[in-house]
Amino acid sequence: MNLKVEFQPIRDWADNKGIYEKGDPKTQVIKLFEEVGELSNAILENNKEEISDAIGDSVIVLTNLAHLCNLTIEQCIEDAYSEIKDRTGKMENGTFIKNKQ
């Protein structure tokens, strides 16, 4: 999988802000929950602008969280995609349900 998104500017920004020097994975996970809460609210309100903002903010937090855990967001995405790419299943009530192995 070849990711076309460039995550380095996010890492540079976070490094410049001291997130990597003084940050902590636990605080970043709390920040992620905050962003997901905002996303949930935006979806309930069908607010496309806020949905986009919350998704983007979540990706930034996940990028920083990965870094603080000595990972890269790119590798996390590649690993997750590698795990799901060949899954089979079906859609039920708007959710993909994978077949049991």
PDB file of N, CA and C in Angstrom:
ATOM      1  N   MET A   1       0.857  -1.174   0.000  1.00  0.00           N
ATOM      2  CA  MET A   1       0.000   0.000   0.000  1.00  0.00           C
ATOM      3  C   MET A   1       0.897   1.229   0.000  1.00  0.00           C
ATOM      4  N   ASN A   2       0.632   2.134  -0.911  1.00  0.00           N
ATOM      5  CA  ASN A   2       1.429   3.351  -1.017  1.00  0.00           C
ATOM      6  C   ASN A   2       0.579   4.532  -0.555  1.00  0.00           C
ATOM      7  N   LEU A   3       0.865   5.040   0.643  1.00  0.00           N
ATOM      8  CA  LEU A   3       0.098   6.163   1.170  1.00  0.00           C
ATOM      9  C   LEU A   3       0.475   7.432   0.425  1.00  0.00           C
ATOM     10  N   LYS A   4      -0.536   8.179   0.009  1.00  0.00           N
ATOM     11  CA  LYS A   4      -0.303   9.401  -0.745  1.00  0.00           C
ATOM     12  C   LYS A   4      -0.357  10.639   0.141  1.00  0.00           C
ATOM     13  N   VAL A   5      -0.670  10.438   1.399  1.00  0.00           N
ATOM     14  CA  VAL A   5      -0.767  11.558   2.325  1.00  0.00           C
ATOM     15  C   VAL A   5       0.593  11.769   2.983  1.00  0.00           C
ATOM     16  N   GLU A   6       0.972  12.993   3.106  1.00  0.00           N
ATOM     17  CA  GLU A   6       2.252  13.324   3.742  1.00  0.00           C
ATOM     18  C   GLU A   6       2.014  13.697   5.199  1.00  0.00           C
ATOM     19  N   PHE A   7       2.496  12.884   6.101  1.00  0.00           N
ATOM     20  CA  PHE A   7       2.292  13.116   7.525  1.00  0.00           C
ATOM     21  C   PHE A   7       3.432  13.896   8.177  1.00  0.00           C
ATOM     22  N   GLN A   8       4.545  14.075   7.481  1.00  0.00           N
ATOM     23  CA  GLN A   8       5.694  14.742   8.095  1.00  0.00           C
ATOM     24  C   GLN A   8       5.392  16.163   8.561  1.00  0.00           C
ATOM     25  N   PRO A   9       4.620  16.962   7.830  1.00  0.00           N
ATOM     26  CA  PRO A   9       4.309  18.301   8.353  1.00  0.00           C
ATOM     27  C   PRO A   9       3.575  18.260   9.697  1.00  0.00           C
ATOM     28  N   ILE A  10       2.766  17.247   9.923  1.00  0.00           N
ATOM     29  CA  ILE A  10       2.086  17.097  11.210  1.00  0.00           C
ATOM     30  C   ILE A  10       3.119  16.824  12.292  1.00  0.00           C
ATOM     31  N   ARG A  11       4.049  15.915  11.999  1.00  0.00           N
ATOM     32  CA  ARG A  11       5.090  15.600  12.972  1.00  0.00           C
ATOM     33  C   ARG A  11       5.970  16.817  13.255  1.00  0.00           C
ATOM     34  N   ASP A  12       6.295  17.575  12.202  1.00  0.00           N
ATOM     35  CA  ASP A  12       7.112  18.781  12.390  1.00  0.00           C
ATOM     36  C   ASP A  12       6.382  19.788  13.273  1.00  0.00           C
ATOM     37  N   TRP A  13       5.099  19.988  13.014  1.00  0.00           N
ATOM     38  CA  TRP A  13       4.295  20.911  13.822  1.00  0.00           C
ATOM     39  C   TRP A  13       4.279  20.462  15.284  1.00  0.00           C
ATOM     40  N   ALA A  14       4.017  19.180  15.508  1.00  0.00           N
ATOM     41  CA  ALA A  14       3.948  18.655  16.869  1.00  0.00           C
ATOM     42  C   ALA A  14       5.295  18.778  17.577  1.00  0.00           C
ATOM     43  N   ASP A  15       6.353  18.516  16.849  1.00  0.00           N
ATOM     44  CA  ASP A  15       7.692  18.640  17.429  1.00  0.00           C
ATOM     45  C   ASP A  15       7.963  20.091  17.823  1.00  0.00           C
ATOM     46  N   ASN A  16       7.627  21.020  16.945  1.00  0.00           N
ATOM     47  CA  ASN A  16       7.811  22.449  17.225  1.00  0.00           C
ATOM     48  C   ASN A  16       6.977  22.913  18.413  1.00  0.00           C
ATOM     49  N   LYS A  17       5.838  22.304  18.635  1.00  0.00           N
ATOM     50  CA  LYS A  17       4.956  22.683  19.748  1.00  0.00           C
ATOM     51  C   LYS A  17       5.345  21.983  21.053  1.00  0.00           C
ATOM     52  N   GLY A  18       6.320  21.087  21.008  1.00  0.00           N
ATOM     53  CA  GLY A  18       6.763  20.395  22.208  1.00  0.00           C
ATOM     54  C   GLY A  18       5.946  19.166  22.560  1.00  0.00           C
ATOM     55  N   ILE A  19       5.068  18.762  21.666  1.00  0.00           N
ATOM     56  CA  ILE A  19       4.212  17.605  21.953  1.00  0.00           C
ATOM     57  C   ILE A  19       5.041  16.337  22.117  1.00  0.00           C
ATOM     58  N   TYR A  20       6.077  16.182  21.304  1.00  0.00           N
ATOM     59  CA  TYR A  20       6.879  14.963  21.394  1.00  0.00           C
ATOM     60  C   TYR A  20       7.839  14.994  22.575  1.00  0.00           C
ATOM     61  N   GLU A  21       8.298  16.168  22.940  1.00  0.00           N
ATOM     62  CA  GLU A  21       9.223  16.288  24.064  1.00  0.00           C
ATOM     63  C   GLU A  21       8.494  16.171  25.404  1.00  0.00           C
ATOM     64  N   LYS A  22       7.325  16.797  25.499  1.00  0.00           N
ATOM     65  CA  LYS A  22       6.619  16.863  26.782  1.00  0.00           C
ATOM     66  C   LYS A  22       5.314  16.080  26.797  1.00  0.00           C
ATOM     67  N   GLY A  23       4.935  15.533  25.638  1.00  0.00           N
ATOM     68  CA  GLY A  23       3.663  14.827  25.535  1.00  0.00           C
ATOM     69  C   GLY A  23       3.710  13.446  26.154  1.00  0.00           C
ATOM     70  N   ASP A  24       2.542  12.868  26.255  1.00  0.00           N
ATOM     71  CA  ASP A  24       2.392  11.565  26.873  1.00  0.00           C
ATOM     72  C   ASP A  24       1.295  10.817  26.123  1.00  0.00           C
ATOM     73  N   PRO A  25       1.493   9.539  25.836  1.00  0.00           N
ATOM     74  CA  PRO A  25       0.448   8.790  25.126  1.00  0.00           C
ATOM     75  C   PRO A  25      -0.905   8.828  25.845  1.00  0.00           C
ATOM     76  N   LYS A  26      -0.886   8.836  27.169  1.00  0.00           N
ATOM     77  CA  LYS A  26      -2.152   8.848  27.914  1.00  0.00           C
ATOM     78  C   LYS A  26      -2.925  10.146  27.664  1.00  0.00           C
ATOM     79  N   THR A  27      -2.226  11.269  27.634  1.00  0.00           N
ATOM     80  CA  THR A  27      -2.927  12.529  27.384  1.00  0.00           C
ATOM     81  C   THR A  27      -3.392  12.624  25.938  1.00  0.00           C
ATOM     82  N   GLN A  28      -2.630  12.034  25.035  1.00  0.00           N
ATOM     83  CA  GLN A  28      -3.045  12.049  23.627  1.00  0.00           C
ATOM     84  C   GLN A  28      -4.280  11.181  23.408  1.00  0.00           C
ATOM     85  N   VAL A  29      -4.388  10.074  24.129  1.00  0.00           N
ATOM     86  CA  VAL A  29      -5.574   9.227  23.991  1.00  0.00           C
ATOM     87  C   VAL A  29      -6.799   9.965  24.530  1.00  0.00           C
ATOM     88  N   ILE A  30      -6.630  10.722  25.593  1.00  0.00           N
ATOM     89  CA  ILE A  30      -7.739  11.534  26.106  1.00  0.00           C
ATOM     90  C   ILE A  30      -8.133  12.575  25.064  1.00  0.00           C
ATOM     91  N   LYS A  31      -7.134  13.191  24.421  1.00  0.00           N
ATOM     92  CA  LYS A  31      -7.406  14.159  23.353  1.00  0.00           C
ATOM     93  C   LYS A  31      -8.150  13.481  22.202  1.00  0.00           C
ATOM     94  N   LEU A  32      -7.791  12.250  21.895  1.00  0.00           N
ATOM     95  CA  LEU A  32      -8.472  11.513  20.828  1.00  0.00           C
ATOM     96  C   LEU A  32      -9.939  11.299  21.167  1.00  0.00           C
ATOM     97  N   PHE A  33     -10.227  10.926  22.416  1.00  0.00           N
ATOM     98  CA  PHE A  33     -11.620  10.752  22.830  1.00  0.00           C
ATOM     99  C   PHE A  33     -12.388  12.063  22.707  1.00  0.00           C
ATOM    100  N   GLU A  34     -11.744  13.165  23.037  1.00  0.00           N
ATOM    101  CA  GLU A  34     -12.379  14.474  22.893  1.00  0.00           C
ATOM    102  C   GLU A  34     -12.738  14.736  21.433  1.00  0.00           C
ATOM    103  N   GLU A  35     -11.799  14.463  20.542  1.00  0.00           N
ATOM    104  CA  GLU A  35     -12.040  14.687  19.110  1.00  0.00           C
ATOM    105  C   GLU A  35     -13.131  13.748  18.578  1.00  0.00           C
ATOM    106  N   VAL A  36     -13.141  12.511  19.018  1.00  0.00           N
ATOM    107  CA  VAL A  36     -14.163  11.563  18.581  1.00  0.00           C
ATOM    108  C   VAL A  36     -15.532  11.990  19.113  1.00  0.00           C
ATOM    109  N   GLY A  37     -15.564  12.551  20.311  1.00  0.00           N
ATOM    110  CA  GLY A  37     -16.816  13.103  20.836  1.00  0.00           C
ATOM    111  C   GLY A  37     -17.324  14.236  19.964  1.00  0.00           C
ATOM    112  N   GLU A  38     -16.413  15.116  19.540  1.00  0.00           N
ATOM    113  CA  GLU A  38     -16.802  16.204  18.641  1.00  0.00           C
ATOM    114  C   GLU A  38     -17.294  15.654  17.305  1.00  0.00           C
ATOM    115  N   LEU A  39     -16.641  14.607  16.820  1.00  0.00           N
ATOM    116  CA  LEU A  39     -17.071  13.971  15.576  1.00  0.00           C
ATOM    117  C   LEU A  39     -18.456  13.373  15.725  1.00  0.00           C
ATOM    118  N   SER A  40     -18.703  12.704  16.825  1.00  0.00           N
ATOM    119  CA  SER A  40     -20.015  12.100  17.067  1.00  0.00           C
ATOM    120  C   SER A  40     -21.104  13.172  17.066  1.00  0.00           C
ATOM    121  N   ASN A  41     -20.847  14.264  17.741  1.00  0.00           N
ATOM    122  CA  ASN A  41     -21.805  15.355  17.792  1.00  0.00           C
ATOM    123  C   ASN A  41     -22.040  15.949  16.402  1.00  0.00           C
ATOM    124  N   ALA A  42     -20.969  16.137  15.655  1.00  0.00           N
ATOM    125  CA  ALA A  42     -21.094  16.700  14.307  1.00  0.00           C
ATOM    126  C   ALA A  42     -21.907  15.780  13.394  1.00  0.00           C
ATOM    127  N   ILE A  43     -21.722  14.470  13.546  1.00  0.00           N
ATOM    128  CA  ILE A  43     -22.491  13.520  12.741  1.00  0.00           C
ATOM    129  C   ILE A  43     -23.962  13.579  13.125  1.00  0.00           C
ATOM    130  N   LEU A  44     -24.230  13.626  14.420  1.00  0.00           N
ATOM    131  CA  LEU A  44     -25.623  13.716  14.869  1.00  0.00           C
ATOM    132  C   LEU A  44     -26.304  14.981  14.350  1.00  0.00           C
ATOM    133  N   GLU A  45     -25.531  16.053  14.234  1.00  0.00           N
ATOM    134  CA  GLU A  45     -26.069  17.317  13.742  1.00  0.00           C
ATOM    135  C   GLU A  45     -25.965  17.456  12.226  1.00  0.00           C
ATOM    136  N   ASN A  46     -25.376  16.452  11.572  1.00  0.00           N
ATOM    137  CA  ASN A  46     -25.173  16.454  10.125  1.00  0.00           C
ATOM    138  C   ASN A  46     -24.447  17.726   9.668  1.00  0.00           C
ATOM    139  N   ASN A  47     -23.407  18.097  10.422  1.00  0.00           N
ATOM    140  CA  ASN A  47     -22.635  19.302  10.139  1.00  0.00           C
ATOM    141  C   ASN A  47     -21.350  18.894   9.425  1.00  0.00           C
ATOM    142  N   LYS A  48     -21.381  18.984   8.094  1.00  0.00           N
ATOM    143  CA  LYS A  48     -20.272  18.489   7.275  1.00  0.00           C
ATOM    144  C   LYS A  48     -18.953  19.194   7.591  1.00  0.00           C
ATOM    145  N   GLU A  49     -19.002  20.488   7.822  1.00  0.00           N
ATOM    146  CA  GLU A  49     -17.775  21.235   8.131  1.00  0.00           C
ATOM    147  C   GLU A  49     -17.152  20.743   9.433  1.00  0.00           C
ATOM    148  N   GLU A  50     -17.967  20.540  10.451  1.00  0.00           N
ATOM    149  CA  GLU A  50     -17.472  20.054  11.741  1.00  0.00           C
ATOM    150  C   GLU A  50     -17.044  18.587  11.669  1.00  0.00           C
ATOM    151  N   ILE A  51     -17.723  17.803  10.827  1.00  0.00           N
ATOM    152  CA  ILE A  51     -17.314  16.410  10.621  1.00  0.00           C
ATOM    153  C   ILE A  51     -15.895  16.379  10.054  1.00  0.00           C
ATOM    154  N   SER A  52     -15.671  17.185   9.020  1.00  0.00           N
ATOM    155  CA  SER A  52     -14.351  17.247   8.393  1.00  0.00           C
ATOM    156  C   SER A  52     -13.290  17.698   9.387  1.00  0.00           C
ATOM    157  N   ASP A  53     -13.608  18.728  10.161  1.00  0.00           N
ATOM    158  CA  ASP A  53     -12.659  19.239  11.155  1.00  0.00           C
ATOM    159  C   ASP A  53     -12.317  18.173  12.191  1.00  0.00           C
ATOM    160  N   ALA A  54     -13.319  17.475  12.692  1.00  0.00           N
ATOM    161  CA  ALA A  54     -13.095  16.473  13.731  1.00  0.00           C
ATOM    162  C   ALA A  54     -12.323  15.264  13.195  1.00  0.00           C
ATOM    163  N   ILE A  55     -12.599  14.862  11.970  1.00  0.00           N
ATOM    164  CA  ILE A  55     -11.836  13.760  11.373  1.00  0.00           C
ATOM    165  C   ILE A  55     -10.377  14.184  11.220  1.00  0.00           C
ATOM    166  N   GLY A  56     -10.154  15.379  10.689  1.00  0.00           N
ATOM    167  CA  GLY A  56      -8.785  15.877  10.529  1.00  0.00           C
ATOM    168  C   GLY A  56      -8.058  15.974  11.858  1.00  0.00           C
ATOM    169  N   ASP A  57      -8.729  16.530  12.864  1.00  0.00           N
ATOM    170  CA  ASP A  57      -8.118  16.628  14.191  1.00  0.00           C
ATOM    171  C   ASP A  57      -7.784  15.247  14.752  1.00  0.00           C
ATOM    172  N   SER A  58      -8.665  14.284  14.512  1.00  0.00           N
ATOM    173  CA  SER A  58      -8.423  12.914  14.993  1.00  0.00           C
ATOM    174  C   SER A  58      -7.198  12.309  14.325  1.00  0.00           C
ATOM    175  N   VAL A  59      -7.036  12.547  13.032  1.00  0.00           N
ATOM    176  CA  VAL A  59      -5.868  12.033  12.315  1.00  0.00           C
ATOM    177  C   VAL A  59      -4.588  12.661  12.864  1.00  0.00           C
ATOM    178  N   ILE A  60      -4.640  13.945  13.160  1.00  0.00           N
ATOM    179  CA  ILE A  60      -3.467  14.615  13.734  1.00  0.00           C
ATOM    180  C   ILE A  60      -3.127  14.011  15.092  1.00  0.00           C
ATOM    181  N   VAL A  61      -4.129  13.835  15.938  1.00  0.00           N
ATOM    182  CA  VAL A  61      -3.884  13.247  17.257  1.00  0.00           C
ATOM    183  C   VAL A  61      -3.348  11.823  17.111  1.00  0.00           C
ATOM    184  N   LEU A  62      -3.907  11.048  16.197  1.00  0.00           N
ATOM    185  CA  LEU A  62      -3.425   9.678  15.986  1.00  0.00           C
ATOM    186  C   LEU A  62      -1.984   9.666  15.475  1.00  0.00           C
ATOM    187  N   THR A  63      -1.640  10.622  14.627  1.00  0.00           N
ATOM    188  CA  THR A  63      -0.263  10.735  14.137  1.00  0.00           C
ATOM    189  C   THR A  63       0.682  10.981  15.304  1.00  0.00           C
ATOM    190  N   ASN A  64       0.285  11.882  16.195  1.00  0.00           N
ATOM    191  CA  ASN A  64       1.115  12.193  17.360  1.00  0.00           C
ATOM    192  C   ASN A  64       1.162  11.036  18.346  1.00  0.00           C
ATOM    193  N   LEU A  65       0.042  10.378  18.543  1.00  0.00           N
ATOM    194  CA  LEU A  65      -0.005   9.234  19.446  1.00  0.00           C
ATOM    195  C   LEU A  65       0.912   8.119  18.945  1.00  0.00           C
ATOM    196  N   ALA A  66       0.856   7.846  17.656  1.00  0.00           N
ATOM    197  CA  ALA A  66       1.741   6.824  17.082  1.00  0.00           C
ATOM    198  C   ALA A  66       3.197   7.176  17.359  1.00  0.00           C
ATOM    199  N   HIS A  67       3.554   8.418  17.097  1.00  0.00           N
ATOM    200  CA  HIS A  67       4.940   8.853  17.313  1.00  0.00           C
ATOM    201  C   HIS A  67       5.359   8.672  18.771  1.00  0.00           C
ATOM    202  N   LEU A  68       4.480   9.066  19.691  1.00  0.00           N
ATOM    203  CA  LEU A  68       4.794   8.942  21.119  1.00  0.00           C
ATOM    204  C   LEU A  68       4.919   7.480  21.552  1.00  0.00           C
ATOM    205  N   CYS A  69       4.354   6.572  20.760  1.00  0.00           N
ATOM    206  CA  CYS A  69       4.456   5.127  21.039  1.00  0.00           C
ATOM    207  C   CYS A  69       5.539   4.462  20.194  1.00  0.00           C
ATOM    208  N   ASN A  70       6.434   5.298  19.618  1.00  0.00           N
ATOM    209  CA  ASN A  70       7.541   4.802  18.778  1.00  0.00           C
ATOM    210  C   ASN A  70       7.057   4.031  17.560  1.00  0.00           C
ATOM    211  N   LEU A  71       5.969   4.522  16.977  1.00  0.00           N
ATOM    212  CA  LEU A  71       5.410   3.970  15.742  1.00  0.00           C
ATOM    213  C   LEU A  71       5.268   5.118  14.747  1.00  0.00           C
ATOM    214  N   THR A  72       4.889   4.777  13.524  1.00  0.00           N
ATOM    215  CA  THR A  72       4.493   5.813  12.573  1.00  0.00           C
ATOM    216  C   THR A  72       3.046   5.570  12.180  1.00  0.00           C
ATOM    217  N   ILE A  73       2.338   6.643  11.914  1.00  0.00           N
ATOM    218  CA  ILE A  73       0.944   6.509  11.486  1.00  0.00           C
ATOM    219  C   ILE A  73       0.869   5.730  10.175  1.00  0.00           C
ATOM    220  N   GLU A  74       1.853   5.936   9.314  1.00  0.00           N
ATOM    221  CA  GLU A  74       1.857   5.215   8.036  1.00  0.00           C
ATOM    222  C   GLU A  74       1.922   3.705   8.263  1.00  0.00           C
ATOM    223  N   GLN A  75       2.803   3.276   9.170  1.00  0.00           N
ATOM    224  CA  GLN A  75       2.927   1.839   9.430  1.00  0.00           C
ATOM    225  C   GLN A  75       1.665   1.294  10.079  1.00  0.00           C
ATOM    226  N   CYS A  76       1.073   2.067  10.982  1.00  0.00           N
ATOM    227  CA  CYS A  76      -0.179   1.631  11.617  1.00  0.00           C
ATOM    228  C   CYS A  76      -1.270   1.429  10.571  1.00  0.00           C
ATOM    229  N   ILE A  77      -1.376   2.371   9.634  1.00  0.00           N
ATOM    230  CA  ILE A  77      -2.386   2.263   8.573  1.00  0.00           C
ATOM    231  C   ILE A  77      -2.091   1.060   7.690  1.00  0.00           C
ATOM    232  N   GLU A  78      -0.831   0.913   7.294  1.00  0.00           N
ATOM    233  CA  GLU A  78      -0.468  -0.215   6.438  1.00  0.00           C
ATOM    234  C   GLU A  78      -0.738  -1.550   7.132  1.00  0.00           C
ATOM    235  N   ASP A  79      -0.405  -1.653   8.414  1.00  0.00           N
ATOM    236  CA  ASP A  79      -0.651  -2.895   9.161  1.00  0.00           C
ATOM    237  C   ASP A  79      -2.146  -3.196   9.250  1.00  0.00           C
ATOM    238  N   ALA A  80      -2.939  -2.162   9.553  1.00  0.00           N
ATOM    239  CA  ALA A  80      -4.387  -2.363   9.672  1.00  0.00           C
ATOM    240  C   ALA A  80      -4.989  -2.752   8.326  1.00  0.00           C
ATOM    241  N   TYR A  81      -4.569  -2.073   7.257  1.00  0.00           N
ATOM    242  CA  TYR A  81      -5.112  -2.398   5.938  1.00  0.00           C
ATOM    243  C   TYR A  81      -4.718  -3.813   5.523  1.00  0.00           C
ATOM    244  N   SER A  82      -3.482  -4.187   5.809  1.00  0.00           N
ATOM    245  CA  SER A  82      -3.028  -5.534   5.472  1.00  0.00           C
ATOM    246  C   SER A  82      -3.895  -6.586   6.158  1.00  0.00           C
ATOM    247  N   GLU A  83      -4.337  -6.283   7.361  1.00  0.00           N
ATOM    248  CA  GLU A  83      -5.171  -7.216   8.115  1.00  0.00           C
ATOM    249  C   GLU A  83      -6.594  -7.316   7.567  1.00  0.00           C
ATOM    250  N   ILE A  84      -7.128  -6.207   7.033  1.00  0.00           N
ATOM    251  CA  ILE A  84      -8.535  -6.218   6.609  1.00  0.00           C
ATOM    252  C   ILE A  84      -8.749  -6.385   5.112  1.00  0.00           C
ATOM    253  N   LYS A  85      -7.713  -6.190   4.306  1.00  0.00           N
ATOM    254  CA  LYS A  85      -7.904  -6.093   2.853  1.00  0.00           C
ATOM    255  C   LYS A  85      -8.568  -7.304   2.212  1.00  0.00           C
ATOM    256  N   ASP A  86      -8.384  -8.462   2.765  1.00  0.00           N
ATOM    257  CA  ASP A  86      -8.961  -9.664   2.169  1.00  0.00           C
ATOM    258  C   ASP A  86     -10.163 -10.203   2.942  1.00  0.00           C
ATOM    259  N   ARG A  87     -10.656  -9.425   3.889  1.00  0.00           N
ATOM    260  CA  ARG A  87     -11.808  -9.879   4.669  1.00  0.00           C
ATOM    261  C   ARG A  87     -13.045  -9.985   3.800  1.00  0.00           C
ATOM    262  N   THR A  88     -13.850 -10.945   4.138  1.00  0.00           N
ATOM    263  CA  THR A  88     -15.148 -11.075   3.498  1.00  0.00           C
ATOM    264  C   THR A  88     -16.215 -10.878   4.567  1.00  0.00           C
ATOM    265  N   GLY A  89     -17.380 -10.517   4.125  1.00  0.00           N
ATOM    266  CA  GLY A  89     -18.476 -10.297   5.053  1.00  0.00           C
ATOM    267  C   GLY A  89     -19.647  -9.673   4.331  1.00  0.00           C
ATOM    268  N   LYS A  90     -20.494  -9.026   5.105  1.00  0.00           N
ATOM    269  CA  LYS A  90     -21.678  -8.413   4.505  1.00  0.00           C
ATOM    270  C   LYS A  90     -22.063  -7.177   5.315  1.00  0.00           C
ATOM    271  N   MET A  91     -22.854  -6.343   4.693  1.00  0.00           N
ATOM    272  CA  MET A  91     -23.362  -5.148   5.346  1.00  0.00           C
ATOM    273  C   MET A  91     -24.649  -5.492   6.084  1.00  0.00           C
ATOM    274  N   GLU A  92     -24.720  -5.060   7.338  1.00  0.00           N
ATOM    275  CA  GLU A  92     -25.929  -5.215   8.140  1.00  0.00           C
ATOM    276  C   GLU A  92     -26.188  -3.911   8.880  1.00  0.00           C
ATOM    277  N   ASN A  93     -27.344  -3.330   8.661  1.00  0.00           N
ATOM    278  CA  ASN A  93     -27.737  -2.101   9.356  1.00  0.00           C
ATOM    279  C   ASN A  93     -26.666  -1.013   9.259  1.00  0.00           C
ATOM    280  N   GLY A  94     -26.062  -0.881   8.077  1.00  0.00           N
ATOM    281  CA  GLY A  94     -25.075   0.171   7.852  1.00  0.00           C
ATOM    282  C   GLY A  94     -23.680  -0.124   8.354  1.00  0.00           C
ATOM    283  N   THR A  95     -23.436  -1.371   8.792  1.00  0.00           N
ATOM    284  CA  THR A  95     -22.116  -1.751   9.304  1.00  0.00           C
ATOM    285  C   THR A  95     -21.628  -3.006   8.589  1.00  0.00           C
ATOM    286  N   PHE A  96     -20.339  -3.022   8.229  1.00  0.00           N
ATOM    287  CA  PHE A  96     -19.738  -4.208   7.634  1.00  0.00           C
ATOM    288  C   PHE A  96     -19.458  -5.213   8.744  1.00  0.00           C
ATOM    289  N   ILE A  97     -20.011  -6.405   8.610  1.00  0.00           N
ATOM    290  CA  ILE A  97     -19.804  -7.492   9.555  1.00  0.00           C
ATOM    291  C   ILE A  97     -18.930  -8.535   8.873  1.00  0.00           C
ATOM    292  N   LYS A  98     -17.727  -8.739   9.413  1.00  0.00           N
ATOM    293  CA  LYS A  98     -16.822  -9.696   8.786  1.00  0.00           C
ATOM    294  C   LYS A  98     -17.286 -11.116   9.052  1.00  0.00           C
ATOM    295  N   ASN A  99     -16.977 -11.985   8.081  1.00  0.00           N
ATOM    296  CA  ASN A  99     -17.248 -13.399   8.252  1.00  0.00           C
ATOM    297  C   ASN A  99     -16.329 -13.951   9.328  1.00  0.00           C
ATOM    298  N   LYS A 100     -16.841 -14.879  10.099  1.00  0.00           N
ATOM    299  CA  LYS A 100     -16.008 -15.526  11.126  1.00  0.00           C
ATOM    300  C   LYS A 100     -15.039 -16.458  10.432  1.00  0.00           C
ATOM    301  N   GLN A 101     -13.856 -16.467  10.949  1.00  0.00           N
ATOM    302  CA  GLN A 101     -12.784 -17.279  10.338  1.00  0.00           C
ATOM    303  C   GLN A 101     -12.921 -18.723  10.736  1.00  0.00           C
TER     304      GLN A 101
END
